[in-house]
Amino acid sequence: MLEVFTLYHPGLIRRAAVLTDKARMSQETYWAIYPTVMDVLSPQTERHLDGSLKQIVLDRGKAELPLFQLKEPRESVIIVNLALAESLLRRDFSGIQLVRLEQEQTI
């Protein structure tokens, strides 16, 4: 998955973590990604009474990167563009969930 991310977003900051299972005498490499944090929510975004996100609506002109994290103190939401989402879906990855988001309606 990291290869796909870096193909679409070469400047993505990432760090390797090697976890060791001494009982099985094996090591696995995992990657932590640190996407750019962006404030791209439209005023049309709906929130619950507690301030958490109900329906995310993106500001059409601000979302420029193919992969970024919302600047949202209550929740951790990573946004990918359509091309990256389709590329991820063509591969057999597990453990991710993609949800379609709305973009701001212009008059």
N, C-alpha and C. Protein backbone atom coordinates (compact mmCIF):
# COMPACT_ATOMS: atom_id res chain seq x y z
N MET A 1 0.83 -1.19 0.00
CA MET A 1 0.00 0.00 0.00
C MET A 1 0.88 1.26 0.00
N LEU A 2 1.99 1.19 0.71
CA LEU A 2 2.90 2.33 0.75
C LEU A 2 3.40 2.69 -0.65
N GLU A 3 3.66 1.69 -1.48
CA GLU A 3 4.11 1.95 -2.84
C GLU A 3 3.07 2.73 -3.64
N VAL A 4 1.81 2.39 -3.47
CA VAL A 4 0.74 3.10 -4.17
C VAL A 4 0.65 4.54 -3.65
N PHE A 5 0.72 4.71 -2.32
CA PHE A 5 0.67 6.05 -1.75
C PHE A 5 1.80 6.92 -2.29
N THR A 6 3.01 6.39 -2.30
CA THR A 6 4.16 7.19 -2.75
C THR A 6 4.16 7.40 -4.27
N LEU A 7 3.50 6.52 -5.01
CA LEU A 7 3.36 6.73 -6.44
C LEU A 7 2.52 7.98 -6.72
N TYR A 8 1.44 8.15 -5.97
CA TYR A 8 0.55 9.30 -6.15
C TYR A 8 1.01 10.53 -5.38
N HIS A 9 1.72 10.32 -4.27
CA HIS A 9 2.16 11.45 -3.43
C HIS A 9 3.61 11.20 -2.99
N PRO A 10 4.58 11.47 -3.90
CA PRO A 10 5.98 11.15 -3.62
C PRO A 10 6.55 11.84 -2.38
N GLY A 11 6.03 12.98 -1.99
CA GLY A 11 6.54 13.71 -0.83
C GLY A 11 5.97 13.26 0.50
N LEU A 12 5.21 12.18 0.49
CA LEU A 12 4.57 11.69 1.72
C LEU A 12 5.63 11.30 2.76
N ILE A 13 5.48 11.85 3.96
CA ILE A 13 6.41 11.51 5.04
C ILE A 13 6.00 10.17 5.63
N ARG A 14 6.98 9.29 5.79
CA ARG A 14 6.70 7.94 6.33
C ARG A 14 7.89 7.48 7.16
N ARG A 15 7.60 6.61 8.11
CA ARG A 15 8.64 6.05 8.98
C ARG A 15 8.40 4.56 9.12
N ALA A 16 9.50 3.81 9.10
CA ALA A 16 9.42 2.35 9.25
C ALA A 16 9.48 1.99 10.72
N ALA A 17 8.75 0.94 11.07
CA ALA A 17 8.80 0.38 12.42
C ALA A 17 8.93 -1.13 12.26
N VAL A 18 9.96 -1.71 12.85
CA VAL A 18 10.17 -3.14 12.77
C VAL A 18 9.72 -3.77 14.08
N LEU A 19 8.75 -4.66 14.00
CA LEU A 19 8.24 -5.34 15.19
C LEU A 19 8.79 -6.77 15.20
N THR A 20 9.26 -7.18 16.36
CA THR A 20 9.88 -8.50 16.51
C THR A 20 9.02 -9.38 17.39
N ASP A 21 8.77 -10.60 16.91
CA ASP A 21 8.08 -11.62 17.70
C ASP A 21 9.15 -12.63 18.12
N LYS A 22 9.60 -12.52 19.37
CA LYS A 22 10.69 -13.38 19.83
C LYS A 22 10.28 -14.84 19.91
N ALA A 23 9.04 -15.11 20.26
CA ALA A 23 8.57 -16.49 20.36
C ALA A 23 8.63 -17.19 19.01
N ARG A 24 8.25 -16.51 17.97
CA ARG A 24 8.25 -17.09 16.62
C ARG A 24 9.54 -16.79 15.87
N MET A 25 10.39 -15.98 16.46
CA MET A 25 11.65 -15.58 15.85
C MET A 25 11.42 -14.98 14.45
N SER A 26 10.53 -13.98 14.42
CA SER A 26 10.24 -13.32 13.14
C SER A 26 10.16 -11.82 13.35
N GLN A 27 10.37 -11.10 12.25
CA GLN A 27 10.27 -9.66 12.26
C GLN A 27 9.35 -9.21 11.12
N GLU A 28 8.55 -8.19 11.38
CA GLU A 28 7.68 -7.62 10.38
C GLU A 28 7.93 -6.11 10.32
N THR A 29 7.97 -5.57 9.12
CA THR A 29 8.13 -4.13 8.94
C THR A 29 6.77 -3.51 8.68
N TYR A 30 6.45 -2.49 9.46
CA TYR A 30 5.22 -1.72 9.29
C TYR A 30 5.61 -0.28 8.99
N TRP A 31 4.72 0.43 8.32
CA TRP A 31 5.00 1.81 7.94
C TRP A 31 3.95 2.73 8.54
N ALA A 32 4.41 3.80 9.14
CA ALA A 32 3.52 4.86 9.63
C ALA A 32 3.61 6.00 8.62
N ILE A 33 2.46 6.49 8.19
CA ILE A 33 2.46 7.62 7.27
C ILE A 33 2.01 8.87 8.02
N TYR A 34 2.53 9.99 7.60
CA TYR A 34 2.21 11.28 8.21
C TYR A 34 1.74 12.23 7.11
N PRO A 35 0.45 12.14 6.74
CA PRO A 35 -0.05 13.00 5.67
C PRO A 35 -0.07 14.47 6.09
N THR A 36 -0.01 15.35 5.10
CA THR A 36 -0.14 16.77 5.34
C THR A 36 -1.52 17.05 5.91
N VAL A 37 -1.59 17.89 6.94
CA VAL A 37 -2.87 18.26 7.56
C VAL A 37 -3.39 19.51 6.85
N MET A 38 -4.63 19.44 6.37
CA MET A 38 -5.20 20.55 5.61
C MET A 38 -6.58 20.92 6.14
N ASP A 39 -6.89 22.20 6.09
CA ASP A 39 -8.20 22.71 6.48
C ASP A 39 -9.02 22.91 5.20
N VAL A 40 -9.77 21.90 4.81
CA VAL A 40 -10.49 21.93 3.52
C VAL A 40 -11.99 21.74 3.68
N LEU A 41 -12.49 21.84 4.90
CA LEU A 41 -13.92 21.63 5.11
C LEU A 41 -14.72 22.84 4.62
N SER A 42 -15.80 22.56 3.93
CA SER A 42 -16.71 23.59 3.46
C SER A 42 -17.63 24.02 4.61
N PRO A 43 -18.16 25.23 4.55
CA PRO A 43 -19.17 25.63 5.53
C PRO A 43 -20.43 24.76 5.45
N GLN A 44 -20.59 24.02 4.36
CA GLN A 44 -21.74 23.13 4.20
C GLN A 44 -21.58 21.81 4.97
N THR A 45 -20.42 21.59 5.60
CA THR A 45 -20.19 20.39 6.40
C THR A 45 -21.16 20.37 7.56
N GLU A 46 -21.77 19.22 7.81
CA GLU A 46 -22.73 19.08 8.92
C GLU A 46 -22.04 18.44 10.11
N ARG A 47 -22.39 18.90 11.31
CA ARG A 47 -21.81 18.38 12.55
C ARG A 47 -22.91 17.93 13.49
N HIS A 48 -22.55 16.99 14.35
CA HIS A 48 -23.44 16.56 15.43
C HIS A 48 -23.41 17.64 16.51
N LEU A 49 -24.29 17.55 17.49
CA LEU A 49 -24.34 18.52 18.58
C LEU A 49 -23.04 18.57 19.38
N ASP A 50 -22.33 17.45 19.46
CA ASP A 50 -21.06 17.43 20.22
C ASP A 50 -19.88 17.97 19.41
N GLY A 51 -20.12 18.39 18.17
CA GLY A 51 -19.06 18.96 17.33
C GLY A 51 -18.39 17.97 16.41
N SER A 52 -18.67 16.69 16.55
CA SER A 52 -18.07 15.69 15.66
C SER A 52 -18.71 15.78 14.27
N LEU A 53 -18.02 15.24 13.29
CA LEU A 53 -18.47 15.34 11.91
C LEU A 53 -19.64 14.41 11.63
N LYS A 54 -20.69 14.95 11.03
CA LYS A 54 -21.85 14.17 10.62
C LYS A 54 -21.76 13.86 9.13
N GLN A 55 -21.59 14.91 8.32
CA GLN A 55 -21.42 14.74 6.87
C GLN A 55 -20.31 15.69 6.43
N ILE A 56 -19.26 15.11 5.87
CA ILE A 56 -18.12 15.89 5.43
C ILE A 56 -18.39 16.42 4.03
N VAL A 57 -18.21 17.71 3.87
CA VAL A 57 -18.30 18.35 2.55
C VAL A 57 -17.00 19.11 2.36
N LEU A 58 -16.27 18.81 1.28
CA LEU A 58 -14.99 19.44 1.02
C LEU A 58 -15.15 20.73 0.23
N ASP A 59 -14.32 21.70 0.53
CA ASP A 59 -14.26 22.94 -0.24
C ASP A 59 -13.61 22.60 -1.57
N ARG A 60 -14.31 22.82 -2.64
CA ARG A 60 -13.89 22.37 -3.98
C ARG A 60 -12.50 22.89 -4.38
N GLY A 61 -12.14 24.10 -4.01
CA GLY A 61 -10.89 24.68 -4.47
C GLY A 61 -9.67 24.40 -3.60
N LYS A 62 -9.84 23.84 -2.42
CA LYS A 62 -8.73 23.70 -1.48
C LYS A 62 -8.05 22.34 -1.48
N ALA A 63 -8.73 21.29 -1.86
CA ALA A 63 -8.18 19.93 -1.79
C ALA A 63 -7.28 19.69 -3.00
N GLU A 64 -5.98 19.95 -2.84
CA GLU A 64 -5.06 19.85 -3.96
C GLU A 64 -4.20 18.59 -3.94
N LEU A 65 -3.92 18.04 -2.77
CA LEU A 65 -3.06 16.86 -2.67
C LEU A 65 -3.86 15.58 -2.88
N PRO A 66 -3.23 14.52 -3.39
CA PRO A 66 -3.94 13.26 -3.57
C PRO A 66 -4.20 12.52 -2.26
N LEU A 67 -3.48 12.90 -1.19
CA LEU A 67 -3.63 12.24 0.10
C LEU A 67 -3.32 13.26 1.18
N PHE A 68 -4.26 13.47 2.10
CA PHE A 68 -4.04 14.42 3.19
C PHE A 68 -4.95 14.07 4.36
N GLN A 69 -4.70 14.68 5.49
CA GLN A 69 -5.51 14.46 6.69
C GLN A 69 -6.28 15.73 7.00
N LEU A 70 -7.55 15.58 7.41
CA LEU A 70 -8.35 16.73 7.77
C LEU A 70 -7.83 17.38 9.04
N LYS A 71 -7.86 18.70 9.07
CA LYS A 71 -7.52 19.43 10.29
C LYS A 71 -8.77 19.43 11.16
N GLU A 72 -8.89 18.40 11.96
CA GLU A 72 -10.08 18.19 12.77
C GLU A 72 -9.65 17.66 14.13
N PRO A 73 -9.87 18.42 15.20
CA PRO A 73 -9.36 18.00 16.51
C PRO A 73 -10.04 16.77 17.09
N ARG A 74 -11.28 16.51 16.72
CA ARG A 74 -12.03 15.41 17.33
C ARG A 74 -11.84 14.06 16.63
N GLU A 75 -11.50 14.08 15.35
CA GLU A 75 -11.45 12.84 14.58
C GLU A 75 -10.22 12.84 13.66
N SER A 76 -9.74 11.65 13.36
CA SER A 76 -8.64 11.48 12.43
C SER A 76 -9.21 10.94 11.12
N VAL A 77 -9.26 11.79 10.10
CA VAL A 77 -9.82 11.42 8.81
C VAL A 77 -8.77 11.67 7.74
N ILE A 78 -8.45 10.63 6.97
CA ILE A 78 -7.51 10.76 5.86
C ILE A 78 -8.31 10.74 4.57
N ILE A 79 -8.03 11.70 3.71
CA ILE A 79 -8.75 11.86 2.44
C ILE A 79 -7.81 11.47 1.30
N VAL A 80 -8.33 10.69 0.35
CA VAL A 80 -7.58 10.37 -0.87
C VAL A 80 -8.43 10.80 -2.06
N ASN A 81 -7.76 11.19 -3.14
CA ASN A 81 -8.53 11.58 -4.33
C ASN A 81 -9.04 10.34 -5.05
N LEU A 82 -9.88 10.57 -6.05
CA LEU A 82 -10.53 9.45 -6.75
C LEU A 82 -9.54 8.52 -7.44
N ALA A 83 -8.52 9.07 -8.08
CA ALA A 83 -7.53 8.23 -8.78
C ALA A 83 -6.81 7.31 -7.80
N LEU A 84 -6.40 7.83 -6.66
CA LEU A 84 -5.74 7.00 -5.65
C LEU A 84 -6.69 5.97 -5.07
N ALA A 85 -7.93 6.36 -4.82
CA ALA A 85 -8.93 5.42 -4.29
C ALA A 85 -9.15 4.26 -5.27
N GLU A 86 -9.28 4.57 -6.55
CA GLU A 86 -9.48 3.52 -7.55
C GLU A 86 -8.27 2.60 -7.64
N SER A 87 -7.08 3.17 -7.52
CA SER A 87 -5.86 2.37 -7.55
C SER A 87 -5.80 1.42 -6.35
N LEU A 88 -6.21 1.90 -5.18
CA LEU A 88 -6.24 1.05 -3.99
C LEU A 88 -7.27 -0.07 -4.14
N LEU A 89 -8.42 0.24 -4.72
CA LEU A 89 -9.48 -0.75 -4.87
C LEU A 89 -9.13 -1.85 -5.87
N ARG A 90 -8.26 -1.54 -6.84
CA ARG A 90 -7.85 -2.55 -7.83
C ARG A 90 -6.91 -3.59 -7.23
N ARG A 91 -6.37 -3.30 -6.07
CA ARG A 91 -5.44 -4.23 -5.43
C ARG A 91 -6.15 -4.93 -4.27
N ASP A 92 -5.56 -5.98 -3.78
CA ASP A 92 -6.20 -6.80 -2.75
C ASP A 92 -5.74 -6.37 -1.35
N PHE A 93 -6.06 -5.13 -0.96
CA PHE A 93 -5.71 -4.65 0.37
C PHE A 93 -6.86 -4.93 1.33
N SER A 94 -6.51 -5.14 2.58
CA SER A 94 -7.54 -5.31 3.60
C SER A 94 -7.26 -4.32 4.73
N GLY A 95 -8.28 -4.01 5.50
CA GLY A 95 -8.09 -3.14 6.66
C GLY A 95 -8.32 -1.67 6.39
N ILE A 96 -8.77 -1.33 5.18
CA ILE A 96 -9.09 0.06 4.90
C ILE A 96 -10.55 0.16 4.48
N GLN A 97 -11.13 1.32 4.73
CA GLN A 97 -12.51 1.57 4.32
C GLN A 97 -12.54 2.89 3.57
N LEU A 98 -13.08 2.88 2.37
CA LEU A 98 -13.19 4.09 1.57
C LEU A 98 -14.65 4.52 1.53
N VAL A 99 -14.89 5.81 1.79
CA VAL A 99 -16.23 6.36 1.80
C VAL A 99 -16.25 7.56 0.86
N ARG A 100 -17.22 7.62 0.00
CA ARG A 100 -17.32 8.74 -0.93
C ARG A 100 -17.74 10.00 -0.17
N LEU A 101 -17.10 11.12 -0.48
CA LEU A 101 -17.41 12.39 0.15
C LEU A 101 -18.03 13.34 -0.86
N GLU A 102 -18.77 14.29 -0.34
CA GLU A 102 -19.37 15.31 -1.18
C GLU A 102 -18.43 16.50 -1.30
N GLN A 103 -18.53 17.20 -2.43
CA GLN A 103 -17.80 18.45 -2.60
C GLN A 103 -18.81 19.59 -2.58
N GLU A 104 -18.33 20.73 -2.21
CA GLU A 104 -19.16 21.93 -2.09
C GLU A 104 -19.90 22.21 -3.39
N GLN A 105 -21.18 22.50 -3.28
CA GLN A 105 -21.98 22.86 -4.44
C GLN A 105 -21.77 24.32 -4.76
N THR A 106 -21.43 24.63 -6.01
CA THR A 106 -21.24 26.01 -6.41
C THR A 106 -22.46 26.48 -7.19
N ILE A 107 -22.72 27.74 -7.09
CA ILE A 107 -23.92 28.30 -7.74
C ILE A 107 -23.57 28.84 -9.11
